[in-house]
């Protein structure tokens, strides 16, 4: 979805390159200039300095102040290409497609007895977190994998909220611009297979 950091008035905003079809190991961190200026660099080396003497070190201008050493050149080029690709398709088109798939998946998976969907926010991203009564999410993931359906199972970097609601883990299907309704149908078939084997 489209994000405007000025409209949000956020101090910092980050995202991972692989979430926009780019390479792993690279991302973007936006920070308000005043905050970044007040912070010391977290690493030393290369382009992050303007000058060094025995008496003092003068740091480079932003963003170089935080770009120590040899930059991830290949990752930067790959991320740039990925962002160009996403922009060419159009964020609105991608968001509409993912939202349509999420609506279809929510309706389809909700019809399976014993399945509980977690997270029903109105404007949520294209992810469907769910539980199947009496079956651990890791077992769900293993069987779905054998059925050719890739999901994630676990805490999803949210252990405190899982603990708060007494949920050991969840199964999560994520939808992207390359997914189809047939993929959702495969997910539903796979969940039924999970219930058949372990239910």
N, C-alpha and C. Protein backbone atom coordinates (compact mmCIF):
# COMPACT_ATOMS: atom_id res chain seq x y z
N UNK A 1 0.84 -1.18 0.00
CA UNK A 1 0.00 0.00 0.00
C UNK A 1 0.88 1.24 0.00
N UNK A 2 0.33 2.30 -0.48
CA UNK A 2 1.06 3.56 -0.58
C UNK A 2 1.27 4.13 0.83
N UNK A 3 2.47 4.64 1.09
CA UNK A 3 2.81 5.21 2.39
C UNK A 3 3.41 6.59 2.17
N UNK A 4 2.94 7.57 2.94
CA UNK A 4 3.49 8.91 2.90
C UNK A 4 4.06 9.22 4.28
N UNK A 5 5.39 9.22 4.40
CA UNK A 5 6.01 9.42 5.71
C UNK A 5 5.74 10.82 6.25
N UNK A 6 5.53 11.79 5.38
CA UNK A 6 5.20 13.14 5.86
C UNK A 6 3.80 13.17 6.45
N UNK A 7 2.88 12.50 5.79
CA UNK A 7 1.50 12.45 6.28
C UNK A 7 1.45 11.69 7.61
N UNK A 8 2.22 10.62 7.73
CA UNK A 8 2.27 9.87 8.98
C UNK A 8 2.99 10.65 10.08
N UNK A 9 3.85 11.57 9.68
CA UNK A 9 4.70 12.32 10.60
C UNK A 9 5.48 11.38 11.51
N UNK A 10 6.00 10.31 10.92
CA UNK A 10 6.75 9.33 11.71
C UNK A 10 8.20 9.77 11.84
N UNK A 11 8.81 9.38 12.95
CA UNK A 11 10.22 9.68 13.16
C UNK A 11 11.09 8.80 12.28
N UNK A 12 10.72 7.52 12.20
CA UNK A 12 11.47 6.56 11.40
C UNK A 12 10.48 5.65 10.69
N UNK A 13 10.87 5.13 9.55
CA UNK A 13 10.05 4.16 8.82
C UNK A 13 11.00 3.26 8.04
N UNK A 14 10.82 1.97 8.16
CA UNK A 14 11.71 1.05 7.46
C UNK A 14 10.93 -0.02 6.72
N UNK A 15 11.53 -0.55 5.69
CA UNK A 15 10.96 -1.74 5.03
C UNK A 15 12.07 -2.57 4.40
N UNK A 16 11.80 -3.84 4.27
CA UNK A 16 12.75 -4.80 3.72
C UNK A 16 12.62 -4.88 2.21
N UNK A 17 13.74 -4.98 1.53
CA UNK A 17 13.73 -5.07 0.08
C UNK A 17 12.96 -6.27 -0.45
N UNK A 18 13.07 -7.41 0.25
CA UNK A 18 12.41 -8.61 -0.27
C UNK A 18 10.89 -8.51 -0.19
N UNK A 19 10.37 -7.55 0.57
CA UNK A 19 8.91 -7.37 0.63
C UNK A 19 8.37 -6.66 -0.60
N UNK A 20 9.25 -6.10 -1.41
CA UNK A 20 8.84 -5.46 -2.66
C UNK A 20 9.51 -6.14 -3.85
N UNK A 21 9.74 -7.46 -3.71
CA UNK A 21 10.27 -8.30 -4.78
C UNK A 21 11.74 -8.00 -5.10
N UNK A 22 12.44 -7.39 -4.17
CA UNK A 22 13.86 -7.11 -4.33
C UNK A 22 14.70 -8.16 -3.65
N UNK A 23 16.01 -7.96 -3.61
CA UNK A 23 16.91 -8.93 -2.99
C UNK A 23 16.78 -8.92 -1.46
N UNK A 24 17.22 -10.01 -0.86
CA UNK A 24 17.27 -10.07 0.60
C UNK A 24 18.51 -9.32 1.08
N UNK A 25 18.50 -8.96 2.35
CA UNK A 25 19.67 -8.33 2.94
C UNK A 25 19.80 -6.84 2.68
N UNK A 26 18.77 -6.23 2.13
CA UNK A 26 18.79 -4.78 1.90
C UNK A 26 17.40 -4.25 2.17
N UNK A 27 17.34 -3.00 2.54
CA UNK A 27 16.06 -2.36 2.79
C UNK A 27 16.22 -0.87 2.79
N UNK A 28 15.22 -0.19 3.30
CA UNK A 28 15.21 1.25 3.35
C UNK A 28 14.88 1.68 4.77
N UNK A 29 15.59 2.67 5.26
CA UNK A 29 15.26 3.28 6.54
C UNK A 29 15.13 4.78 6.31
N UNK A 30 13.93 5.29 6.52
CA UNK A 30 13.68 6.72 6.49
C UNK A 30 13.80 7.23 7.92
N UNK A 31 14.40 8.37 8.09
CA UNK A 31 14.46 9.02 9.39
C UNK A 31 14.39 10.52 9.21
N UNK A 32 13.76 11.19 10.16
CA UNK A 32 13.74 12.65 10.10
C UNK A 32 15.17 13.17 10.22
N UNK A 33 15.49 14.13 9.39
CA UNK A 33 16.87 14.62 9.31
C UNK A 33 17.38 15.09 10.68
N UNK A 34 16.57 15.81 11.43
CA UNK A 34 17.02 16.32 12.73
C UNK A 34 17.41 15.19 13.67
N UNK A 35 16.65 14.11 13.65
CA UNK A 35 16.97 12.96 14.50
C UNK A 35 18.23 12.26 14.03
N UNK A 36 18.35 12.07 12.72
CA UNK A 36 19.54 11.42 12.18
C UNK A 36 20.79 12.25 12.43
N UNK A 37 20.66 13.56 12.32
CA UNK A 37 21.81 14.44 12.58
C UNK A 37 22.28 14.33 14.02
N UNK A 38 21.32 14.15 14.95
CA UNK A 38 21.67 14.10 16.38
C UNK A 38 22.23 12.75 16.81
N UNK A 39 22.09 11.75 15.99
CA UNK A 39 22.55 10.41 16.34
C UNK A 39 23.99 10.18 15.89
N UNK A 40 24.76 9.45 16.69
CA UNK A 40 26.10 9.08 16.22
C UNK A 40 26.00 7.91 15.24
N UNK A 41 26.97 7.75 14.35
CA UNK A 41 26.97 6.58 13.48
C UNK A 41 27.11 5.31 14.32
N UNK A 42 26.55 4.23 13.85
CA UNK A 42 26.65 2.97 14.59
C UNK A 42 27.83 2.13 14.12
N UNK A 43 28.45 2.50 12.99
CA UNK A 43 29.60 1.78 12.45
C UNK A 43 30.59 2.80 11.89
N UNK A 44 31.83 2.40 11.86
CA UNK A 44 32.83 3.28 11.28
C UNK A 44 33.41 2.70 10.01
N UNK A 45 33.91 3.58 9.15
CA UNK A 45 34.57 3.14 7.93
C UNK A 45 34.13 3.93 6.72
N UNK A 46 34.92 3.84 5.68
CA UNK A 46 34.61 4.39 4.36
C UNK A 46 33.92 5.74 4.31
N UNK A 47 32.82 5.79 3.61
CA UNK A 47 32.16 7.06 3.27
C UNK A 47 31.47 7.77 4.42
N UNK A 48 31.50 7.21 5.62
CA UNK A 48 30.74 7.84 6.70
C UNK A 48 31.48 9.00 7.37
N UNK A 49 32.69 9.28 6.92
CA UNK A 49 33.44 10.40 7.50
C UNK A 49 33.73 11.44 6.42
N UNK A 50 33.81 12.69 6.87
CA UNK A 50 34.24 13.76 5.97
C UNK A 50 35.74 13.96 6.12
N UNK A 51 36.20 13.96 7.40
CA UNK A 51 37.63 14.07 7.63
C UNK A 51 37.97 13.48 9.00
N UNK A 52 39.20 12.97 9.09
CA UNK A 52 39.68 12.37 10.33
C UNK A 52 41.06 12.94 10.61
N UNK A 53 41.24 13.41 11.84
CA UNK A 53 42.57 13.81 12.32
C UNK A 53 42.75 13.16 13.68
N UNK A 54 43.92 13.32 14.26
CA UNK A 54 44.14 12.79 15.61
C UNK A 54 43.28 13.52 16.63
N UNK A 55 42.89 14.73 16.31
CA UNK A 55 42.11 15.53 17.26
C UNK A 55 40.61 15.25 17.17
N UNK A 56 40.10 15.01 15.97
CA UNK A 56 38.65 14.84 15.85
C UNK A 56 38.28 14.12 14.55
N UNK A 57 37.04 13.65 14.55
CA UNK A 57 36.45 13.05 13.36
C UNK A 57 35.23 13.88 12.99
N UNK A 58 35.12 14.22 11.73
CA UNK A 58 33.96 14.96 11.26
C UNK A 58 33.16 14.02 10.34
N UNK A 59 31.91 13.77 10.72
CA UNK A 59 31.08 12.83 9.96
C UNK A 59 30.54 13.47 8.69
N UNK A 60 30.28 12.63 7.72
CA UNK A 60 29.77 13.04 6.43
C UNK A 60 28.31 13.47 6.54
N UNK A 61 27.80 14.09 5.48
CA UNK A 61 26.39 14.48 5.43
C UNK A 61 25.52 13.23 5.33
N UNK A 62 24.26 13.40 5.68
CA UNK A 62 23.28 12.32 5.53
C UNK A 62 23.08 12.04 4.04
N UNK A 63 22.86 10.85 3.63
CA UNK A 63 22.77 9.62 4.40
C UNK A 63 24.12 8.94 4.61
N UNK A 64 25.17 9.52 4.03
CA UNK A 64 26.49 8.87 4.06
C UNK A 64 27.00 8.61 5.47
N UNK A 65 26.57 9.44 6.42
CA UNK A 65 26.99 9.30 7.81
C UNK A 65 26.72 7.89 8.34
N UNK A 66 25.69 7.24 7.80
CA UNK A 66 25.31 5.91 8.27
C UNK A 66 25.62 4.81 7.25
N UNK A 67 26.45 5.12 6.28
CA UNK A 67 26.78 4.16 5.22
C UNK A 67 28.26 3.82 5.27
N UNK A 68 28.67 3.12 6.31
CA UNK A 68 30.09 2.80 6.50
C UNK A 68 30.55 1.70 5.54
N UNK A 69 31.77 1.88 5.04
CA UNK A 69 32.38 0.81 4.24
C UNK A 69 31.81 0.71 2.84
N UNK A 70 32.15 -0.39 2.19
CA UNK A 70 31.69 -0.63 0.82
C UNK A 70 30.19 -0.88 0.83
N UNK A 71 29.45 -0.10 0.08
CA UNK A 71 27.99 -0.28 0.08
C UNK A 71 27.57 -1.57 -0.62
N UNK A 72 26.36 -1.99 -0.33
CA UNK A 72 25.78 -3.17 -0.98
C UNK A 72 25.33 -2.76 -2.38
N UNK A 73 26.28 -2.65 -3.28
CA UNK A 73 26.01 -2.12 -4.61
C UNK A 73 25.02 -3.01 -5.37
N UNK A 74 25.26 -4.30 -5.39
CA UNK A 74 24.36 -5.20 -6.11
C UNK A 74 22.96 -5.17 -5.51
N UNK A 75 22.88 -5.15 -4.17
CA UNK A 75 21.58 -5.07 -3.50
C UNK A 75 20.85 -3.79 -3.82
N UNK A 76 21.60 -2.68 -3.87
CA UNK A 76 20.99 -1.38 -4.18
C UNK A 76 20.43 -1.36 -5.60
N UNK A 77 21.19 -1.91 -6.53
CA UNK A 77 20.73 -1.97 -7.92
C UNK A 77 19.50 -2.87 -8.02
N UNK A 78 19.54 -4.01 -7.34
CA UNK A 78 18.40 -4.93 -7.35
C UNK A 78 17.17 -4.31 -6.72
N UNK A 79 17.34 -3.61 -5.61
CA UNK A 79 16.20 -2.95 -4.96
C UNK A 79 15.64 -1.86 -5.85
N UNK A 80 16.51 -1.10 -6.48
CA UNK A 80 16.05 -0.06 -7.41
C UNK A 80 15.24 -0.64 -8.56
N UNK A 81 15.71 -1.76 -9.11
CA UNK A 81 14.98 -2.42 -10.20
C UNK A 81 13.63 -2.94 -9.72
N UNK A 82 13.61 -3.48 -8.51
CA UNK A 82 12.35 -3.99 -7.95
C UNK A 82 11.35 -2.86 -7.74
N UNK A 83 11.82 -1.72 -7.23
CA UNK A 83 10.91 -0.58 -7.03
C UNK A 83 10.40 -0.04 -8.36
N UNK A 84 11.27 -0.02 -9.38
CA UNK A 84 10.82 0.39 -10.73
C UNK A 84 9.74 -0.56 -11.24
N UNK A 85 9.95 -1.86 -11.01
CA UNK A 85 9.00 -2.89 -11.44
C UNK A 85 7.64 -2.70 -10.77
N UNK A 86 7.67 -2.51 -9.46
CA UNK A 86 6.42 -2.32 -8.71
C UNK A 86 5.72 -1.04 -9.17
N UNK A 87 6.48 0.02 -9.36
CA UNK A 87 5.89 1.28 -9.82
C UNK A 87 5.28 1.14 -11.22
N UNK A 88 5.93 0.35 -12.09
CA UNK A 88 5.41 0.16 -13.45
C UNK A 88 4.08 -0.57 -13.43
N UNK A 89 3.94 -1.55 -12.55
CA UNK A 89 2.67 -2.27 -12.43
C UNK A 89 1.64 -1.37 -11.76
N UNK A 90 2.08 -0.64 -10.76
CA UNK A 90 1.18 0.30 -10.06
C UNK A 90 0.80 -0.23 -8.69
N UNK A 91 1.11 0.55 -7.67
CA UNK A 91 0.78 0.15 -6.30
C UNK A 91 -0.72 -0.07 -6.13
N UNK A 92 -1.53 0.79 -6.74
CA UNK A 92 -2.98 0.65 -6.59
C UNK A 92 -3.47 -0.65 -7.21
N UNK A 93 -2.91 -1.03 -8.36
CA UNK A 93 -3.30 -2.29 -9.00
C UNK A 93 -2.90 -3.49 -8.14
N UNK A 94 -1.69 -3.45 -7.60
CA UNK A 94 -1.22 -4.54 -6.75
C UNK A 94 -2.08 -4.65 -5.50
N UNK A 95 -2.35 -3.51 -4.87
CA UNK A 95 -3.15 -3.51 -3.65
C UNK A 95 -4.56 -4.04 -3.92
N UNK A 96 -5.17 -3.63 -5.02
CA UNK A 96 -6.52 -4.09 -5.35
C UNK A 96 -6.53 -5.60 -5.58
N UNK A 97 -5.52 -6.11 -6.28
CA UNK A 97 -5.44 -7.55 -6.54
C UNK A 97 -5.27 -8.33 -5.24
N UNK A 98 -4.35 -7.88 -4.39
CA UNK A 98 -4.11 -8.58 -3.12
C UNK A 98 -5.35 -8.52 -2.24
N UNK A 99 -6.04 -7.39 -2.23
CA UNK A 99 -7.25 -7.25 -1.40
C UNK A 99 -8.36 -8.19 -1.91
N UNK A 100 -8.48 -8.29 -3.22
CA UNK A 100 -9.50 -9.20 -3.79
C UNK A 100 -9.19 -10.65 -3.41
N UNK A 101 -7.90 -11.02 -3.49
CA UNK A 101 -7.51 -12.37 -3.09
C UNK A 101 -7.75 -12.62 -1.60
N UNK A 102 -7.46 -11.62 -0.78
CA UNK A 102 -7.68 -11.75 0.65
C UNK A 102 -9.16 -11.94 0.95
N UNK A 103 -10.02 -11.16 0.30
CA UNK A 103 -11.47 -11.32 0.50
C UNK A 103 -11.91 -12.72 0.10
N UNK A 104 -11.42 -13.18 -1.04
CA UNK A 104 -11.79 -14.51 -1.53
C UNK A 104 -11.27 -15.59 -0.57
N UNK A 105 -10.03 -15.44 -0.12
CA UNK A 105 -9.45 -16.43 0.80
C UNK A 105 -10.17 -16.43 2.15
N UNK A 106 -10.52 -15.25 2.64
CA UNK A 106 -11.23 -15.16 3.91
C UNK A 106 -12.56 -15.91 3.82
N UNK A 107 -13.30 -15.68 2.76
CA UNK A 107 -14.59 -16.35 2.58
C UNK A 107 -14.39 -17.85 2.39
N UNK A 108 -13.42 -18.25 1.59
CA UNK A 108 -13.20 -19.66 1.29
C UNK A 108 -12.72 -20.44 2.50
N UNK A 109 -11.74 -19.91 3.21
CA UNK A 109 -11.18 -20.62 4.37
C UNK A 109 -12.15 -20.59 5.54
N UNK A 110 -12.92 -19.51 5.67
CA UNK A 110 -13.92 -19.42 6.76
C UNK A 110 -14.98 -20.51 6.65
N UNK A 111 -15.22 -21.00 5.45
CA UNK A 111 -16.23 -22.04 5.24
C UNK A 111 -15.77 -23.42 5.69
N UNK A 112 -14.50 -23.57 6.04
CA UNK A 112 -13.99 -24.88 6.46
C UNK A 112 -14.24 -25.02 7.97
N UNK A 113 -15.00 -26.03 8.39
CA UNK A 113 -15.29 -26.20 9.81
C UNK A 113 -14.01 -26.38 10.62
N UNK A 114 -13.96 -25.74 11.79
CA UNK A 114 -12.82 -25.88 12.69
C UNK A 114 -11.68 -24.94 12.40
N UNK A 115 -11.84 -24.05 11.42
CA UNK A 115 -10.80 -23.09 11.11
C UNK A 115 -11.20 -21.74 11.68
N UNK A 116 -10.25 -21.12 12.37
CA UNK A 116 -10.49 -19.78 12.95
C UNK A 116 -9.49 -18.81 12.34
N UNK A 117 -10.01 -17.73 11.79
CA UNK A 117 -9.16 -16.69 11.21
C UNK A 117 -8.88 -15.65 12.29
N UNK A 118 -7.62 -15.26 12.38
CA UNK A 118 -7.20 -14.24 13.35
C UNK A 118 -6.85 -12.97 12.59
N UNK A 119 -7.34 -11.84 13.08
CA UNK A 119 -7.03 -10.57 12.43
C UNK A 119 -8.02 -10.24 11.35
N UNK A 120 -8.94 -9.37 11.67
CA UNK A 120 -9.99 -9.03 10.70
C UNK A 120 -10.08 -7.52 10.51
N UNK A 121 -8.97 -6.82 10.61
CA UNK A 121 -8.97 -5.37 10.42
C UNK A 121 -9.49 -5.04 9.02
N UNK A 122 -10.16 -3.93 8.92
CA UNK A 122 -10.79 -3.53 7.67
C UNK A 122 -9.79 -3.35 6.53
N UNK A 123 -8.69 -2.68 6.78
CA UNK A 123 -7.73 -2.36 5.71
C UNK A 123 -6.42 -3.12 5.86
N UNK A 124 -6.52 -4.39 6.23
CA UNK A 124 -5.29 -5.15 6.46
C UNK A 124 -4.61 -5.55 5.15
N UNK A 125 -3.36 -5.87 5.27
CA UNK A 125 -2.58 -6.31 4.12
C UNK A 125 -3.02 -7.72 3.71
N UNK A 126 -2.48 -8.20 2.60
CA UNK A 126 -2.89 -9.49 2.04
C UNK A 126 -2.32 -10.69 2.77
N UNK A 127 -2.59 -10.80 4.06
CA UNK A 127 -2.17 -11.96 4.84
C UNK A 127 -3.37 -12.55 5.57
N UNK A 128 -3.39 -13.86 5.64
CA UNK A 128 -4.48 -14.58 6.29
C UNK A 128 -3.87 -15.48 7.36
N UNK A 129 -4.02 -15.07 8.62
CA UNK A 129 -3.54 -15.87 9.74
C UNK A 129 -4.69 -16.72 10.24
N UNK A 130 -4.38 -18.00 10.52
CA UNK A 130 -5.47 -18.88 10.91
C UNK A 130 -4.97 -20.00 11.81
N UNK A 131 -5.93 -20.62 12.50
CA UNK A 131 -5.70 -21.80 13.32
C UNK A 131 -6.69 -22.86 12.89
N UNK A 132 -6.32 -24.11 13.05
CA UNK A 132 -7.23 -25.23 12.83
C UNK A 132 -7.35 -25.93 14.18
N UNK A 133 -8.58 -26.09 14.65
CA UNK A 133 -8.82 -26.67 15.97
C UNK A 133 -8.02 -27.95 16.20
N UNK A 134 -7.24 -27.95 17.30
CA UNK A 134 -6.53 -29.14 17.73
C UNK A 134 -5.29 -29.50 16.93
N UNK A 135 -4.88 -28.65 16.00
CA UNK A 135 -3.72 -28.97 15.15
C UNK A 135 -2.71 -27.83 15.25
N UNK A 136 -1.47 -28.16 15.59
CA UNK A 136 -0.44 -27.14 15.74
C UNK A 136 -0.10 -26.54 14.37
N UNK A 137 0.11 -25.23 14.31
CA UNK A 137 0.44 -24.58 13.04
C UNK A 137 1.66 -25.17 12.32
N UNK A 138 2.65 -25.68 13.06
CA UNK A 138 3.80 -26.28 12.38
C UNK A 138 3.39 -27.55 11.64
N UNK A 139 2.45 -28.30 12.21
CA UNK A 139 1.94 -29.49 11.51
C UNK A 139 1.13 -29.09 10.28
N UNK A 140 0.37 -28.01 10.42
CA UNK A 140 -0.38 -27.48 9.27
C UNK A 140 0.60 -27.13 8.15
N UNK A 141 1.66 -26.42 8.49
CA UNK A 141 2.65 -26.01 7.50
C UNK A 141 3.32 -27.18 6.82
N UNK A 142 3.62 -28.23 7.60
CA UNK A 142 4.30 -29.40 7.04
C UNK A 142 3.41 -30.11 6.02
N UNK A 143 2.15 -30.30 6.37
CA UNK A 143 1.25 -30.99 5.44
C UNK A 143 0.96 -30.12 4.21
N UNK A 144 0.73 -28.83 4.43
CA UNK A 144 0.50 -27.95 3.28
C UNK A 144 1.71 -27.95 2.34
N UNK A 145 2.90 -27.99 2.91
CA UNK A 145 4.11 -28.04 2.09
C UNK A 145 4.10 -29.27 1.19
N UNK A 146 3.71 -30.40 1.75
CA UNK A 146 3.63 -31.63 0.95
C UNK A 146 2.56 -31.56 -0.13
N UNK A 147 1.58 -30.67 0.09
CA UNK A 147 0.51 -30.47 -0.89
C UNK A 147 0.87 -29.37 -1.91
N UNK A 148 2.09 -28.84 -1.79
CA UNK A 148 2.53 -27.80 -2.73
C UNK A 148 2.07 -26.40 -2.38
N UNK A 149 1.71 -26.19 -1.13
CA UNK A 149 1.24 -24.88 -0.68
C UNK A 149 2.23 -24.34 0.35
N UNK A 150 2.82 -23.19 0.06
CA UNK A 150 3.81 -22.60 0.96
C UNK A 150 3.14 -21.58 1.87
N UNK A 151 3.25 -21.79 3.17
CA UNK A 151 2.79 -20.81 4.16
C UNK A 151 3.90 -20.63 5.18
N UNK A 152 3.68 -19.75 6.13
CA UNK A 152 4.57 -19.64 7.28
C UNK A 152 3.81 -20.09 8.50
N UNK A 153 4.52 -20.68 9.44
CA UNK A 153 3.93 -21.10 10.70
C UNK A 153 4.87 -20.70 11.82
N UNK A 154 4.32 -20.17 12.89
CA UNK A 154 5.15 -19.78 14.01
C UNK A 154 4.65 -18.53 14.69
N UNK A 155 5.60 -17.78 15.27
CA UNK A 155 5.27 -16.58 16.03
C UNK A 155 5.20 -15.33 15.16
N UNK A 156 5.82 -15.36 14.00
CA UNK A 156 5.83 -14.23 13.06
C UNK A 156 6.34 -12.95 13.71
N UNK A 157 7.37 -13.09 14.51
CA UNK A 157 8.00 -11.94 15.20
C UNK A 157 7.00 -11.19 16.08
N UNK A 158 6.05 -11.93 16.64
CA UNK A 158 5.01 -11.30 17.46
C UNK A 158 4.71 -12.11 18.71
N UNK A 159 5.74 -12.65 19.36
CA UNK A 159 5.53 -13.48 20.54
C UNK A 159 4.74 -12.79 21.64
N UNK A 160 5.00 -11.50 21.94
CA UNK A 160 4.21 -10.88 23.01
C UNK A 160 2.70 -10.87 22.75
N UNK A 161 2.30 -10.58 21.51
CA UNK A 161 0.85 -10.57 21.23
C UNK A 161 0.29 -11.99 21.22
N UNK A 162 1.09 -12.95 20.78
CA UNK A 162 0.65 -14.36 20.83
C UNK A 162 0.44 -14.76 22.29
N UNK A 163 1.38 -14.40 23.16
CA UNK A 163 1.25 -14.74 24.58
C UNK A 163 0.03 -14.04 25.18
N UNK A 164 -0.19 -12.80 24.81
CA UNK A 164 -1.32 -12.03 25.34
C UNK A 164 -2.65 -12.72 25.04
N UNK A 165 -2.78 -13.31 23.86
CA UNK A 165 -4.03 -13.95 23.47
C UNK A 165 -4.01 -15.46 23.65
N UNK A 166 -2.93 -15.98 24.24
CA UNK A 166 -2.86 -17.41 24.52
C UNK A 166 -2.78 -18.28 23.29
N UNK A 167 -2.12 -17.79 22.27
CA UNK A 167 -1.98 -18.52 21.01
C UNK A 167 -0.51 -18.95 20.89
N UNK A 168 -0.23 -20.26 20.77
CA UNK A 168 1.17 -20.69 20.71
C UNK A 168 1.85 -20.29 19.40
N UNK A 169 1.11 -20.23 18.33
CA UNK A 169 1.62 -19.90 17.00
C UNK A 169 0.42 -19.79 16.08
N UNK A 170 0.65 -19.30 14.88
CA UNK A 170 -0.41 -19.30 13.87
C UNK A 170 0.16 -19.80 12.55
N UNK A 171 -0.74 -20.19 11.68
CA UNK A 171 -0.40 -20.47 10.29
C UNK A 171 -0.75 -19.21 9.51
N UNK A 172 0.07 -18.85 8.53
CA UNK A 172 -0.17 -17.61 7.81
C UNK A 172 0.10 -17.77 6.32
N UNK A 173 -0.93 -17.48 5.54
CA UNK A 173 -0.79 -17.43 4.09
C UNK A 173 -0.67 -15.97 3.68
N UNK A 174 0.28 -15.67 2.82
CA UNK A 174 0.48 -14.30 2.34
C UNK A 174 0.19 -14.28 0.84
N UNK A 175 -0.49 -13.23 0.41
CA UNK A 175 -0.86 -13.12 -0.99
C UNK A 175 -0.10 -11.97 -1.64
N UNK A 176 0.31 -12.18 -2.87
CA UNK A 176 1.08 -11.19 -3.61
C UNK A 176 0.50 -11.05 -5.00
N UNK A 177 1.11 -10.17 -5.78
CA UNK A 177 0.54 -9.88 -7.10
C UNK A 177 0.59 -11.08 -8.04
N UNK A 178 1.44 -12.05 -7.76
CA UNK A 178 1.54 -13.21 -8.64
C UNK A 178 0.61 -14.35 -8.22
N UNK A 179 -0.09 -14.22 -7.10
CA UNK A 179 -1.02 -15.26 -6.66
C UNK A 179 -2.35 -15.15 -7.39
N UNK A 180 -3.07 -16.27 -7.41
CA UNK A 180 -4.35 -16.34 -8.12
C UNK A 180 -5.40 -16.97 -7.21
N UNK A 181 -6.64 -16.94 -7.68
CA UNK A 181 -7.72 -17.62 -6.95
C UNK A 181 -7.45 -19.12 -6.89
N UNK A 182 -6.81 -19.65 -7.91
CA UNK A 182 -6.47 -21.08 -7.91
C UNK A 182 -5.52 -21.39 -6.76
N UNK A 183 -4.62 -20.47 -6.44
CA UNK A 183 -3.74 -20.66 -5.28
C UNK A 183 -4.54 -20.72 -3.99
N UNK A 184 -5.55 -19.86 -3.89
CA UNK A 184 -6.42 -19.87 -2.70
C UNK A 184 -7.18 -21.19 -2.63
N UNK A 185 -7.67 -21.66 -3.76
CA UNK A 185 -8.37 -22.95 -3.78
C UNK A 185 -7.44 -24.07 -3.34
N UNK A 186 -6.17 -24.00 -3.76
CA UNK A 186 -5.18 -24.99 -3.33
C UNK A 186 -4.94 -24.93 -1.84
N UNK A 187 -4.93 -23.72 -1.27
CA UNK A 187 -4.80 -23.56 0.18
C UNK A 187 -5.97 -24.22 0.89
N UNK A 188 -7.17 -23.97 0.42
CA UNK A 188 -8.36 -24.56 1.05
C UNK A 188 -8.34 -26.08 0.94
N UNK A 189 -7.96 -26.61 -0.22
CA UNK A 189 -7.85 -28.07 -0.37
C UNK A 189 -6.82 -28.62 0.60
N UNK A 190 -5.70 -27.90 0.73
CA UNK A 190 -4.65 -28.34 1.64
C UNK A 190 -5.10 -28.34 3.09
N UNK A 191 -5.85 -27.33 3.49
CA UNK A 191 -6.37 -27.29 4.88
C UNK A 191 -7.32 -28.45 5.11
N UNK A 192 -8.14 -28.76 4.14
CA UNK A 192 -9.04 -29.92 4.28
C UNK A 192 -8.23 -31.22 4.42
N UNK A 193 -7.12 -31.30 3.69
CA UNK A 193 -6.24 -32.47 3.79
C UNK A 193 -5.62 -32.55 5.19
N UNK A 194 -5.23 -31.40 5.74
CA UNK A 194 -4.71 -31.33 7.11
C UNK A 194 -5.73 -31.91 8.08
N UNK A 195 -6.98 -31.48 7.94
CA UNK A 195 -8.04 -31.97 8.82
C UNK A 195 -8.29 -33.46 8.63
N UNK A 196 -8.18 -33.90 7.41
CA UNK A 196 -8.38 -35.33 7.11
C UNK A 196 -7.29 -36.17 7.77
N UNK A 197 -6.06 -35.71 7.72
CA UNK A 197 -4.93 -36.47 8.28
C UNK A 197 -4.85 -36.36 9.80
N UNK A 198 -5.02 -35.15 10.32
CA UNK A 198 -4.78 -34.92 11.75
C UNK A 198 -6.04 -34.59 12.56
N UNK A 199 -7.14 -34.34 11.88
CA UNK A 199 -8.34 -33.88 12.59
C UNK A 199 -9.10 -34.90 13.36
